[in-house]
Amino acid sequence: ATPHQISNSLSYAASFGADEWDGRIEETMECARLLRLFNSVSVRE
């Protein structure tokens, strides 16, 4: 998605499935950048 689209978007009860994040360093950096653009963030656990 574009930054504008992401700024209107949200997560609903998104699940990591475990107690810890299992991403690689490069994945973590990019996912963090994207998630900070979200309108609202909710997780299941």
PDB file of all heavy atoms in Angstrom:
ATOM      1  N   ALA A   1       0.825  -1.214   0.000  1.00  0.00           N
ATOM      2  CA  ALA A   1       0.000   0.000   0.000  1.00  0.00           C
ATOM      3  C   ALA A   1       0.855   1.259   0.000  1.00  0.00           C
ATOM      4  O   ALA A   1       2.046   1.227   0.330  1.00  0.00           O
ATOM      5  CB  ALA A   1      -0.923  -0.003   1.210  1.00  0.00           C
ATOM      6  N   THR A   2       0.247   2.371  -0.358  1.00  0.00           N
ATOM      7  CA  THR A   2       0.927   3.663  -0.312  1.00  0.00           C
ATOM      8  C   THR A   2       0.894   4.195   1.118  1.00  0.00           C
ATOM      9  O   THR A   2       0.042   3.782   1.917  1.00  0.00           O
ATOM     10  CB  THR A   2       0.242   4.674  -1.233  1.00  0.00           C
ATOM     11  OG1 THR A   2      -1.080   4.965  -0.715  1.00  0.00           O
ATOM     12  CG2 THR A   2       0.130   4.134  -2.656  1.00  0.00           C
ATOM     13  N   PRO A   3       1.791   5.133   1.448  1.00  0.00           N
ATOM     14  CA  PRO A   3       1.750   5.726   2.793  1.00  0.00           C
ATOM     15  C   PRO A   3       0.382   6.324   3.127  1.00  0.00           C
ATOM     16  O   PRO A   3      -0.083   6.224   4.273  1.00  0.00           O
ATOM     17  CB  PRO A   3       2.840   6.793   2.733  1.00  0.00           C
ATOM     18  CG  PRO A   3       3.816   6.260   1.731  1.00  0.00           C
ATOM     19  CD  PRO A   3       2.970   5.584   0.690  1.00  0.00           C
ATOM     20  N   HIS A   4      -0.271   6.919   2.133  1.00  0.00           N
ATOM     21  CA  HIS A   4      -1.598   7.507   2.377  1.00  0.00           C
ATOM     22  C   HIS A   4      -2.611   6.424   2.722  1.00  0.00           C
ATOM     23  O   HIS A   4      -3.427   6.588   3.651  1.00  0.00           O
ATOM     24  CB  HIS A   4      -2.067   8.284   1.142  1.00  0.00           C
ATOM     25  CG  HIS A   4      -3.464   8.821   1.285  1.00  0.00           C
ATOM     26  ND1 HIS A   4      -3.773   9.866   2.137  1.00  0.00           N
ATOM     27  CD2 HIS A   4      -4.638   8.435   0.697  1.00  0.00           C
ATOM     28  CE1 HIS A   4      -5.070  10.112   2.064  1.00  0.00           C
ATOM     29  NE2 HIS A   4      -5.623   9.264   1.198  1.00  0.00           N
ATOM     30  N   GLN A   5      -2.576   5.316   1.983  1.00  0.00           N
ATOM     31  CA  GLN A   5      -3.490   4.209   2.281  1.00  0.00           C
ATOM     32  C   GLN A   5      -3.240   3.652   3.674  1.00  0.00           C
ATOM     33  O   GLN A   5      -4.181   3.396   4.437  1.00  0.00           O
ATOM     34  CB  GLN A   5      -3.323   3.088   1.248  1.00  0.00           C
ATOM     35  CG  GLN A   5      -3.900   3.384  -0.120  1.00  0.00           C
ATOM     36  CD  GLN A   5      -3.598   2.271  -1.112  1.00  0.00           C
ATOM     37  OE1 GLN A   5      -2.429   1.908  -1.305  1.00  0.00           O
ATOM     38  NE2 GLN A   5      -4.621   1.717  -1.726  1.00  0.00           N
ATOM     39  N   ILE A   6      -1.978   3.472   4.018  1.00  0.00           N
ATOM     40  CA  ILE A   6      -1.646   2.899   5.328  1.00  0.00           C
ATOM     41  C   ILE A   6      -2.105   3.820   6.450  1.00  0.00           C
ATOM     42  O   ILE A   6      -2.568   3.352   7.502  1.00  0.00           O
ATOM     43  CB  ILE A   6      -0.131   2.629   5.444  1.00  0.00           C
ATOM     44  CG1 ILE A   6       0.328   1.672   4.349  1.00  0.00           C
ATOM     45  CG2 ILE A   6       0.207   2.032   6.809  1.00  0.00           C
ATOM     46  CD1 ILE A   6       1.828   1.438   4.317  1.00  0.00           C
ATOM     47  N   SER A   7      -2.028   5.126   6.227  1.00  0.00           N
ATOM     48  CA  SER A   7      -2.429   6.086   7.268  1.00  0.00           C
ATOM     49  C   SER A   7      -3.924   6.009   7.564  1.00  0.00           C
ATOM     50  O   SER A   7      -4.378   6.472   8.610  1.00  0.00           O
ATOM     51  CB  SER A   7      -2.052   7.507   6.860  1.00  0.00           C
ATOM     52  OG  SER A   7      -2.836   7.942   5.755  1.00  0.00           O
ATOM     53  N   ASN A   8      -4.699   5.410   6.650  1.00  0.00           N
ATOM     54  CA  ASN A   8      -6.132   5.212   6.866  1.00  0.00           C
ATOM     55  C   ASN A   8      -6.449   3.804   7.354  1.00  0.00           C
ATOM     56  O   ASN A   8      -7.610   3.497   7.640  1.00  0.00           O
ATOM     57  CB  ASN A   8      -6.904   5.456   5.555  1.00  0.00           C
ATOM     58  CG  ASN A   8      -6.856   6.893   5.103  1.00  0.00           C
ATOM     59  OD1 ASN A   8      -6.881   7.809   5.918  1.00  0.00           O
ATOM     60  ND2 ASN A   8      -6.763   7.105   3.797  1.00  0.00           N
ATOM     61  N   SER A   9      -5.449   2.955   7.445  1.00  0.00           N
ATOM     62  CA  SER A   9      -5.658   1.531   7.694  1.00  0.00           C
ATOM     63  C   SER A   9      -5.436   1.151   9.152  1.00  0.00           C
ATOM     64  O   SER A   9      -4.927   1.948   9.950  1.00  0.00           O
ATOM     65  CB  SER A   9      -4.743   0.708   6.774  1.00  0.00           C
ATOM     66  OG  SER A   9      -5.038   0.985   5.411  1.00  0.00           O
ATOM     67  N   LEU A  10      -5.808  -0.076   9.480  1.00  0.00           N
ATOM     68  CA  LEU A  10      -5.721  -0.521  10.870  1.00  0.00           C
ATOM     69  C   LEU A  10      -5.479  -2.014  10.935  1.00  0.00           C
ATOM     70  O   LEU A  10      -5.657  -2.740   9.948  1.00  0.00           O
ATOM     71  CB  LEU A  10      -7.022  -0.189  11.613  1.00  0.00           C
ATOM     72  CG  LEU A  10      -8.299  -0.849  11.061  1.00  0.00           C
ATOM     73  CD1 LEU A  10      -9.151  -1.406  12.198  1.00  0.00           C
ATOM     74  CD2 LEU A  10      -9.124   0.186  10.284  1.00  0.00           C
ATOM     75  N   SER A  11      -5.107  -2.472  12.096  1.00  0.00           N
ATOM     76  CA  SER A  11      -5.056  -3.910  12.350  1.00  0.00           C
ATOM     77  C   SER A  11      -6.164  -4.229  13.331  1.00  0.00           C
ATOM     78  O   SER A  11      -6.443  -3.445  14.241  1.00  0.00           O
ATOM     79  CB  SER A  11      -3.697  -4.323  12.929  1.00  0.00           C
ATOM     80  OG  SER A  11      -3.496  -3.763  14.212  1.00  0.00           O
ATOM     81  N   TYR A  12      -6.806  -5.378  13.128  1.00  0.00           N
ATOM     82  CA  TYR A  12      -7.806  -5.826  14.103  1.00  0.00           C
ATOM     83  C   TYR A  12      -7.374  -7.164  14.676  1.00  0.00           C
ATOM     84  O   TYR A  12      -7.323  -8.173  13.957  1.00  0.00           O
ATOM     85  CB  TYR A  12      -9.216  -5.956  13.517  1.00  0.00           C
ATOM     86  CG  TYR A  12     -10.154  -6.410  14.615  1.00  0.00           C
ATOM     87  CD1 TYR A  12     -10.640  -5.485  15.526  1.00  0.00           C
ATOM     88  CD2 TYR A  12     -10.409  -7.757  14.833  1.00  0.00           C
ATOM     89  CE1 TYR A  12     -11.394  -5.896  16.611  1.00  0.00           C
ATOM     90  CE2 TYR A  12     -11.162  -8.178  15.908  1.00  0.00           C
ATOM     91  CZ  TYR A  12     -11.651  -7.232  16.800  1.00  0.00           C
ATOM     92  OH  TYR A  12     -12.368  -7.641  17.897  1.00  0.00           O
ATOM     93  N   ALA A  13      -7.055  -7.162  15.963  1.00  0.00           N
ATOM     94  CA  ALA A  13      -6.674  -8.389  16.688  1.00  0.00           C
ATOM     95  C   ALA A  13      -5.591  -9.170  15.962  1.00  0.00           C
ATOM     96  O   ALA A  13      -5.587 -10.405  15.955  1.00  0.00           O
ATOM     97  CB  ALA A  13      -7.896  -9.270  16.937  1.00  0.00           C
ATOM     98  N   ALA A  14      -4.661  -8.465  15.338  1.00  0.00           N
ATOM     99  CA  ALA A  14      -3.553  -9.137  14.656  1.00  0.00           C
ATOM    100  C   ALA A  14      -2.736  -9.920  15.690  1.00  0.00           C
ATOM    101  O   ALA A  14      -2.471  -9.427  16.779  1.00  0.00           O
ATOM    102  CB  ALA A  14      -2.674  -8.113  13.948  1.00  0.00           C
ATOM    103  N   SER A  15      -2.344 -11.127  15.315  1.00  0.00           N
ATOM    104  CA  SER A  15      -1.673 -12.000  16.279  1.00  0.00           C
ATOM    105  C   SER A  15      -0.245 -12.319  15.867  1.00  0.00           C
ATOM    106  O   SER A  15       0.028 -12.637  14.709  1.00  0.00           O
ATOM    107  CB  SER A  15      -2.461 -13.301  16.433  1.00  0.00           C
ATOM    108  OG  SER A  15      -1.770 -14.216  17.266  1.00  0.00           O
ATOM    109  N   PHE A  16       0.666 -12.238  16.842  1.00  0.00           N
ATOM    110  CA  PHE A  16       2.037 -12.686  16.648  1.00  0.00           C
ATOM    111  C   PHE A  16       2.139 -14.187  16.902  1.00  0.00           C
ATOM    112  O   PHE A  16       3.148 -14.807  16.571  1.00  0.00           O
ATOM    113  CB  PHE A  16       2.986 -11.949  17.592  1.00  0.00           C
ATOM    114  CG  PHE A  16       3.096 -10.472  17.303  1.00  0.00           C
ATOM    115  CD1 PHE A  16       2.361  -9.546  18.036  1.00  0.00           C
ATOM    116  CD2 PHE A  16       3.931 -10.010  16.305  1.00  0.00           C
ATOM    117  CE1 PHE A  16       2.465  -8.188  17.783  1.00  0.00           C
ATOM    118  CE2 PHE A  16       4.043  -8.647  16.033  1.00  0.00           C
ATOM    119  CZ  PHE A  16       3.309  -7.738  16.777  1.00  0.00           C
ATOM    120  N   GLY A  17       1.126 -14.754  17.542  1.00  0.00           N
ATOM    121  CA  GLY A  17       1.069 -16.190  17.782  1.00  0.00           C
ATOM    122  C   GLY A  17       1.929 -16.687  18.922  1.00  0.00           C
ATOM    123  O   GLY A  17       1.788 -17.809  19.371  1.00  0.00           O
ATOM    124  N   ALA A  18       2.850 -15.860  19.391  1.00  0.00           N
ATOM    125  CA  ALA A  18       3.769 -16.265  20.460  1.00  0.00           C
ATOM    126  C   ALA A  18       4.096 -15.047  21.320  1.00  0.00           C
ATOM    127  O   ALA A  18       3.661 -13.929  21.034  1.00  0.00           O
ATOM    128  CB  ALA A  18       5.035 -16.871  19.864  1.00  0.00           C
ATOM    129  N   ASP A  19       4.879 -15.273  22.354  1.00  0.00           N
ATOM    130  CA  ASP A  19       5.215 -14.187  23.280  1.00  0.00           C
ATOM    131  C   ASP A  19       6.292 -13.263  22.742  1.00  0.00           C
ATOM    132  O   ASP A  19       6.515 -12.189  23.300  1.00  0.00           O
ATOM    133  CB  ASP A  19       5.703 -14.762  24.616  1.00  0.00           C
ATOM    134  CG  ASP A  19       4.582 -15.445  25.380  1.00  0.00           C
ATOM    135  OD1 ASP A  19       3.447 -14.969  25.298  1.00  0.00           O
ATOM    136  OD2 ASP A  19       4.848 -16.458  26.042  1.00  0.00           O
ATOM    137  N   GLU A  20       6.977 -13.688  21.681  1.00  0.00           N
ATOM    138  CA  GLU A  20       8.090 -12.894  21.157  1.00  0.00           C
ATOM    139  C   GLU A  20       7.966 -12.730  19.651  1.00  0.00           C
ATOM    140  O   GLU A  20       7.387 -13.560  18.954  1.00  0.00           O
ATOM    141  CB  GLU A  20       9.430 -13.568  21.507  1.00  0.00           C
ATOM    142  CG  GLU A  20       9.706 -13.670  23.000  1.00  0.00           C
ATOM    143  CD  GLU A  20      11.031 -14.365  23.290  1.00  0.00           C
ATOM    144  OE1 GLU A  20      11.641 -14.886  22.326  1.00  0.00           O
ATOM    145  OE2 GLU A  20      11.446 -14.387  24.459  1.00  0.00           O
ATOM    146  N   TRP A  21       8.543 -11.648  19.142  1.00  0.00           N
ATOM    147  CA  TRP A  21       8.616 -11.378  17.708  1.00  0.00           C
ATOM    148  C   TRP A  21       9.703 -12.259  17.109  1.00  0.00           C
ATOM    149  O   TRP A  21      10.807 -12.352  17.649  1.00  0.00           O
ATOM    150  CB  TRP A  21       8.920  -9.898  17.494  1.00  0.00           C
ATOM    151  CG  TRP A  21       9.356  -9.492  16.118  1.00  0.00           C
ATOM    152  CD1 TRP A  21      10.600  -9.075  15.743  1.00  0.00           C
ATOM    153  CD2 TRP A  21       8.549  -9.420  14.930  1.00  0.00           C
ATOM    154  NE1 TRP A  21      10.636  -8.748  14.408  1.00  0.00           N
ATOM    155  CE2 TRP A  21       9.381  -8.955  13.877  1.00  0.00           C
ATOM    156  CE3 TRP A  21       7.222  -9.714  14.644  1.00  0.00           C
ATOM    157  CZ2 TRP A  21       8.916  -8.769  12.581  1.00  0.00           C
ATOM    158  CZ3 TRP A  21       6.756  -9.522  13.350  1.00  0.00           C
ATOM    159  CH2 TRP A  21       7.599  -9.055  12.337  1.00  0.00           C
ATOM    160  N   ASP A  22       9.404 -12.913  15.989  1.00  0.00           N
ATOM    161  CA  ASP A  22      10.362 -13.844  15.398  1.00  0.00           C
ATOM    162  C   ASP A  22      10.921 -13.338  14.073  1.00  0.00           C
ATOM    163  O   ASP A  22      11.377 -14.130  13.240  1.00  0.00           O
ATOM    164  CB  ASP A  22       9.724 -15.216  15.204  1.00  0.00           C
ATOM    165  CG  ASP A  22       8.493 -15.180  14.281  1.00  0.00           C
ATOM    166  OD1 ASP A  22       7.959 -14.089  14.044  1.00  0.00           O
ATOM    167  OD2 ASP A  22       8.070 -16.255  13.811  1.00  0.00           O
ATOM    168  N   GLY A  23      10.933 -12.025  13.880  1.00  0.00           N
ATOM    169  CA  GLY A  23      11.415 -11.471  12.628  1.00  0.00           C
ATOM    170  C   GLY A  23      12.922 -11.250  12.597  1.00  0.00           C
ATOM    171  O   GLY A  23      13.571 -11.092  13.632  1.00  0.00           O
ATOM    172  N   ARG A  24      13.466 -11.231  11.385  1.00  0.00           N
ATOM    173  CA  ARG A  24      14.869 -10.906  11.193  1.00  0.00           C
ATOM    174  C   ARG A  24      15.062  -9.398  11.318  1.00  0.00           C
ATOM    175  O   ARG A  24      14.094  -8.629  11.310  1.00  0.00           O
ATOM    176  CB  ARG A  24      15.322 -11.393   9.812  1.00  0.00           C
ATOM    177  CG  ARG A  24      15.043 -12.877   9.556  1.00  0.00           C
ATOM    178  CD  ARG A  24      15.519 -13.285   8.170  1.00  0.00           C
ATOM    179  NE  ARG A  24      15.177 -14.677   7.869  1.00  0.00           N
ATOM    180  CZ  ARG A  24      14.339 -15.054   6.911  1.00  0.00           C
ATOM    181  NH1 ARG A  24      13.753 -14.129   6.136  1.00  0.00           N
ATOM    182  NH2 ARG A  24      14.075 -16.330   6.695  1.00  0.00           N
ATOM    183  N   ILE A  25      16.321  -8.957  11.411  1.00  0.00           N
ATOM    184  CA  ILE A  25      16.603  -7.544  11.637  1.00  0.00           C
ATOM    185  C   ILE A  25      16.009  -6.681  10.530  1.00  0.00           C
ATOM    186  O   ILE A  25      15.342  -5.670  10.790  1.00  0.00           O
ATOM    187  CB  ILE A  25      18.131  -7.297  11.743  1.00  0.00           C
ATOM    188  CG1 ILE A  25      18.681  -7.984  12.993  1.00  0.00           C
ATOM    189  CG2 ILE A  25      18.437  -5.801  11.769  1.00  0.00           C
ATOM    190  CD1 ILE A  25      20.186  -7.880  13.136  1.00  0.00           C
ATOM    191  N   GLU A  26      16.250  -7.073   9.272  1.00  0.00           N
ATOM    192  CA  GLU A  26      15.746  -6.266   8.160  1.00  0.00           C
ATOM    193  C   GLU A  26      14.222  -6.250   8.117  1.00  0.00           C
ATOM    194  O   GLU A  26      13.609  -5.228   7.781  1.00  0.00           O
ATOM    195  CB  GLU A  26      16.323  -6.758   6.822  1.00  0.00           C
ATOM    196  CG  GLU A  26      15.972  -8.183   6.433  1.00  0.00           C
ATOM    197  CD  GLU A  26      16.882  -9.244   7.024  1.00  0.00           C
ATOM    198  OE1 GLU A  26      17.636  -8.922   7.963  1.00  0.00           O
ATOM    199  OE2 GLU A  26      16.831 -10.399   6.534  1.00  0.00           O
ATOM    200  N   GLU A  27      13.597  -7.381   8.465  1.00  0.00           N
ATOM    201  CA  GLU A  27      12.136  -7.433   8.531  1.00  0.00           C
ATOM    202  C   GLU A  27      11.619  -6.529   9.638  1.00  0.00           C
ATOM    203  O   GLU A  27      10.635  -5.801   9.455  1.00  0.00           O
ATOM    204  CB  GLU A  27      11.670  -8.870   8.794  1.00  0.00           C
ATOM    205  CG  GLU A  27      11.872  -9.820   7.630  1.00  0.00           C
ATOM    206  CD  GLU A  27      11.570 -11.256   8.005  1.00  0.00           C
ATOM    207  OE1 GLU A  27      11.769 -11.618   9.184  1.00  0.00           O
ATOM    208  OE2 GLU A  27      11.161 -12.023   7.110  1.00  0.00           O
ATOM    209  N   THR A  28      12.287  -6.561  10.772  1.00  0.00           N
ATOM    210  CA  THR A  28      11.864  -5.763  11.918  1.00  0.00           C
ATOM    211  C   THR A  28      11.886  -4.273  11.597  1.00  0.00           C
ATOM    212  O   THR A  28      10.935  -3.547  11.909  1.00  0.00           O
ATOM    213  CB  THR A  28      12.777  -6.040  13.127  1.00  0.00           C
ATOM    214  OG1 THR A  28      12.748  -7.445  13.430  1.00  0.00           O
ATOM    215  CG2 THR A  28      12.323  -5.250  14.342  1.00  0.00           C
ATOM    216  N   MET A  29      12.934  -3.825  10.962  1.00  0.00           N
ATOM    217  CA  MET A  29      13.062  -2.403  10.632  1.00  0.00           C
ATOM    218  C   MET A  29      11.964  -1.953   9.674  1.00  0.00           C
ATOM    219  O   MET A  29      11.350  -0.897   9.864  1.00  0.00           O
ATOM    220  CB  MET A  29      14.445  -2.137  10.035  1.00  0.00           C
ATOM    221  CG  MET A  29      15.595  -2.317  11.008  1.00  0.00           C
ATOM    222  SD  MET A  29      17.216  -2.090  10.233  1.00  0.00           S
ATOM    223  CE  MET A  29      17.126  -0.365   9.750  1.00  0.00           C
ATOM    224  N   GLU A  30      11.706  -2.758   8.644  1.00  0.00           N
ATOM    225  CA  GLU A  30      10.692  -2.386   7.668  1.00  0.00           C
ATOM    226  C   GLU A  30       9.285  -2.496   8.252  1.00  0.00           C
ATOM    227  O   GLU A  30       8.429  -1.614   8.017  1.00  0.00           O
ATOM    228  CB  GLU A  30      10.809  -3.267   6.420  1.00  0.00           C
ATOM    229  CG  GLU A  30       9.792  -2.976   5.331  1.00  0.00           C
ATOM    230  CD  GLU A  30       9.879  -1.574   4.751  1.00  0.00           C
ATOM    231  OE1 GLU A  30      10.811  -0.808   5.106  1.00  0.00           O
ATOM    232  OE2 GLU A  30       8.999  -1.221   3.942  1.00  0.00           O
ATOM    233  N   CYS A  31       9.020  -3.522   9.031  1.00  0.00           N
ATOM    234  CA  CYS A  31       7.701  -3.678   9.644  1.00  0.00           C
ATOM    235  C   CYS A  31       7.424  -2.550  10.636  1.00  0.00           C
ATOM    236  O   CYS A  31       6.294  -2.057  10.735  1.00  0.00           O
ATOM    237  CB  CYS A  31       7.587  -5.038  10.329  1.00  0.00           C
ATOM    238  SG  CYS A  31       7.549  -6.427   9.171  1.00  0.00           S
ATOM    239  N   ALA A  32       8.443  -2.131  11.364  1.00  0.00           N
ATOM    240  CA  ALA A  32       8.285  -1.017  12.303  1.00  0.00           C
ATOM    241  C   ALA A  32       7.949   0.262  11.556  1.00  0.00           C
ATOM    242  O   ALA A  32       7.074   1.031  11.972  1.00  0.00           O
ATOM    243  CB  ALA A  32       9.556  -0.845  13.125  1.00  0.00           C
ATOM    244  N   ARG A  33       8.656   0.499  10.456  1.00  0.00           N
ATOM    245  CA  ARG A  33       8.396   1.714   9.660  1.00  0.00           C
ATOM    246  C   ARG A  33       6.953   1.740   9.167  1.00  0.00           C
ATOM    247  O   ARG A  33       6.271   2.776   9.248  1.00  0.00           O
ATOM    248  CB  ARG A  33       9.352   1.770   8.472  1.00  0.00           C
ATOM    249  CG  ARG A  33       9.215   3.034   7.621  1.00  0.00           C
ATOM    250  CD  ARG A  33      10.039   2.945   6.351  1.00  0.00           C
ATOM    251  NE  ARG A  33       9.483   1.991   5.398  1.00  0.00           N
ATOM    252  CZ  ARG A  33       8.468   2.288   4.571  1.00  0.00           C
ATOM    253  NH1 ARG A  33       7.896   3.492   4.602  1.00  0.00           N
ATOM    254  NH2 ARG A  33       8.023   1.373   3.717  1.00  0.00           N
ATOM    255  N   LEU A  34       6.484   0.614   8.684  1.00  0.00           N
ATOM    256  CA  LEU A  34       5.124   0.538   8.157  1.00  0.00           C
ATOM    257  C   LEU A  34       4.079   0.660   9.266  1.00  0.00           C
ATOM    258  O   LEU A  34       3.090   1.387   9.125  1.00  0.00           O
ATOM    259  CB  LEU A  34       4.934  -0.786   7.399  1.00  0.00           C
ATOM    260  CG  LEU A  34       5.743  -0.951   6.114  1.00  0.00           C
ATOM    261  CD1 LEU A  34       5.710  -2.403   5.646  1.00  0.00           C
ATOM    262  CD2 LEU A  34       5.206  -0.026   5.027  1.00  0.00           C
ATOM    263  N   LEU A  35       4.305  -0.043  10.369  1.00  0.00           N
ATOM    264  CA  LEU A  35       3.311  -0.064  11.445  1.00  0.00           C
ATOM    265  C   LEU A  35       3.117   1.317  12.060  1.00  0.00           C
ATOM    266  O   LEU A  35       2.009   1.661  12.496  1.00  0.00           O
ATOM    267  CB  LEU A  35       3.719  -1.074  12.519  1.00  0.00           C
ATOM    268  CG  LEU A  35       2.649  -1.417  13.565  1.00  0.00           C
ATOM    269  CD1 LEU A  35       1.408  -2.001  12.893  1.00  0.00           C
ATOM    270  CD2 LEU A  35       3.201  -2.385  14.599  1.00  0.00           C
ATOM    271  N   ARG A  36       4.156   2.111  12.083  1.00  0.00           N
ATOM    272  CA  ARG A  36       4.054   3.465  12.640  1.00  0.00           C
ATOM    273  C   ARG A  36       3.163   4.370  11.805  1.00  0.00           C
ATOM    274  O   ARG A  36       2.764   5.444  12.264  1.00  0.00           O
ATOM    275  CB  ARG A  36       5.449   4.078  12.798  1.00  0.00           C
ATOM    276  CG  ARG A  36       6.273   3.438  13.918  1.00  0.00           C
ATOM    277  CD  ARG A  36       7.725   3.809  13.846  1.00  0.00           C
ATOM    278  NE  ARG A  36       8.525   3.045  14.812  1.00  0.00           N
ATOM    279  CZ  ARG A  36       9.835   2.911  14.744  1.00  0.00           C
ATOM    280  NH1 ARG A  36      10.518   3.479  13.742  1.00  0.00           N
ATOM    281  NH2 ARG A  36      10.476   2.197  15.657  1.00  0.00           N
ATOM    282  N   LEU A  37       2.853   3.938  10.579  1.00  0.00           N
ATOM    283  CA  LEU A  37       1.971   4.722   9.713  1.00  0.00           C
ATOM    284  C   LEU A  37       0.501   4.373   9.920  1.00  0.00           C
ATOM    285  O   LEU A  37      -0.385   5.107   9.466  1.00  0.00           O
ATOM    286  CB  LEU A  37       2.334   4.486   8.239  1.00  0.00           C
ATOM    287  CG  LEU A  37       3.736   4.891   7.778  1.00  0.00           C
ATOM    288  CD1 LEU A  37       3.952   4.463   6.326  1.00  0.00           C
ATOM    289  CD2 LEU A  37       3.938   6.394   7.932  1.00  0.00           C
ATOM    290  N   PHE A  38       0.220   3.249  10.587  1.00  0.00           N
ATOM    291  CA  PHE A  38      -1.162   2.787  10.747  1.00  0.00           C
ATOM    292  C   PHE A  38      -2.010   3.807  11.496  1.00  0.00           C
ATOM    293  O   PHE A  38      -1.530   4.492  12.416  1.00  0.00           O
ATOM    294  CB  PHE A  38      -1.200   1.465  11.515  1.00  0.00           C
ATOM    295  CG  PHE A  38      -0.990   0.242  10.661  1.00  0.00           C
ATOM    296  CD1 PHE A  38       0.098   0.137   9.792  1.00  0.00           C
ATOM    297  CD2 PHE A  38      -1.869  -0.826  10.732  1.00  0.00           C
ATOM    298  CE1 PHE A  38       0.299  -0.996   9.022  1.00  0.00           C
ATOM    299  CE2 PHE A  38      -1.673  -1.976   9.961  1.00  0.00           C
ATOM    300  CZ  PHE A  38      -0.584  -2.059   9.107  1.00  0.00           C
ATOM    301  N   ASN A  39      -3.269   3.846  11.141  1.00  0.00           N
ATOM    302  CA  ASN A  39      -4.245   4.692  11.826  1.00  0.00           C
ATOM    303  C   ASN A  39      -4.520   4.175  13.236  1.00  0.00           C
ATOM    304  O   ASN A  39      -4.514   4.932  14.214  1.00  0.00           O
ATOM    305  CB  ASN A  39      -5.538   4.722  10.994  1.00  0.00           C
ATOM    306  CG  ASN A  39      -6.672   5.435  11.670  1.00  0.00           C
ATOM    307  OD1 ASN A  39      -6.470   6.207  12.591  1.00  0.00           O
ATOM    308  ND2 ASN A  39      -7.885   5.181  11.221  1.00  0.00           N
ATOM    309  N   SER A  40      -4.775   2.869  13.344  1.00  0.00           N
ATOM    310  CA  SER A  40      -5.051   2.229  14.638  1.00  0.00           C
ATOM    311  C   SER A  40      -4.413   0.846  14.642  1.00  0.00           C
ATOM    312  O   SER A  40      -4.406   0.157  13.615  1.00  0.00           O
ATOM    313  CB  SER A  40      -6.555   2.083  14.881  1.00  0.00           C
ATOM    314  OG  SER A  40      -7.203   3.334  14.853  1.00  0.00           O
ATOM    315  N   VAL A  41      -3.930   0.437  15.804  1.00  0.00           N
ATOM    316  CA  VAL A  41      -3.288  -0.879  15.920  1.00  0.00           C
ATOM    317  C   VAL A  41      -3.910  -1.639  17.089  1.00  0.00           C
ATOM    318  O   VAL A  41      -3.914  -1.157  18.228  1.00  0.00           O
ATOM    319  CB  VAL A  41      -1.766  -0.755  16.144  1.00  0.00           C
ATOM    320  CG1 VAL A  41      -1.136  -2.143  16.311  1.00  0.00           C
ATOM    321  CG2 VAL A  41      -1.112  -0.008  14.995  1.00  0.00           C
ATOM    322  N   SER A  42      -4.453  -2.812  16.785  1.00  0.00           N
ATOM    323  CA  SER A  42      -4.934  -3.689  17.860  1.00  0.00           C
ATOM    324  C   SER A  42      -4.387  -5.084  17.628  1.00  0.00           C
ATOM    325  O   SER A  42      -4.154  -5.499  16.485  1.00  0.00           O
ATOM    326  CB  SER A  42      -6.467  -3.718  17.920  1.00  0.00           C
ATOM    327  OG  SER A  42      -7.015  -4.448  16.847  1.00  0.00           O
ATOM    328  N   VAL A  43      -4.162  -5.798  18.704  1.00  0.00           N
ATOM    329  CA  VAL A  43      -3.603  -7.146  18.657  1.00  0.00           C
ATOM    330  C   VAL A  43      -4.493  -8.084  19.444  1.00  0.00           C
ATOM    331  O   VAL A  43      -5.335  -7.644  20.237  1.00  0.00           O
ATOM    332  CB  VAL A  43      -2.162  -7.178  19.219  1.00  0.00           C
ATOM    333  CG1 VAL A  43      -1.213  -6.417  18.313  1.00  0.00           C
ATOM    334  CG2 VAL A  43      -2.121  -6.591  20.635  1.00  0.00           C
ATOM    335  N   ARG A  44      -4.313  -9.379  19.241  1.00  0.00           N
ATOM    336  CA  ARG A  44      -5.213 -10.347  19.874  1.00  0.00           C
ATOM    337  C   ARG A  44      -4.749 -10.767  21.262  1.00  0.00           C
ATOM    338  O   ARG A  44      -5.576 -11.073  22.135  1.00  0.00           O
ATOM    339  CB  ARG A  44      -5.337 -11.588  18.981  1.00  0.00           C
ATOM    340  CG  ARG A  44      -6.503 -12.481  19.342  1.00  0.00           C
ATOM    341  CD  ARG A  44      -6.688 -13.575  18.319  1.00  0.00           C
ATOM    342  NE  ARG A  44      -5.542 -14.498  18.293  1.00  0.00           N
ATOM    343  CZ  ARG A  44      -5.435 -15.503  17.442  1.00  0.00           C
ATOM    344  NH1 ARG A  44      -6.373 -15.701  16.532  1.00  0.00           N
ATOM    345  NH2 ARG A  44      -4.377 -16.301  17.476  1.00  0.00           N
ATOM    346  N   GLU A  45      -3.441 -10.774  21.484  1.00  0.00           N
ATOM    347  CA  GLU A  45      -2.915 -11.219  22.771  1.00  0.00           C
ATOM    348  C   GLU A  45      -2.354 -10.055  23.573  1.00  0.00           C
ATOM    349  O   GLU A  45      -1.852  -9.081  23.008  1.00  0.00           O
ATOM    350  CB  GLU A  45      -1.812 -12.261  22.564  1.00  0.00           C
ATOM    351  CG  GLU A  45      -2.316 -13.609  22.079  1.00  0.00           C
ATOM    352  CD  GLU A  45      -2.578 -13.658  20.584  1.00  0.00           C
ATOM    353  OE1 GLU A  45      -1.780 -13.108  19.819  1.00  0.00           O
ATOM    354  OE2 GLU A  45      -3.606 -14.244  20.184  1.00  0.00           O
TER     355      GLU A  45
END
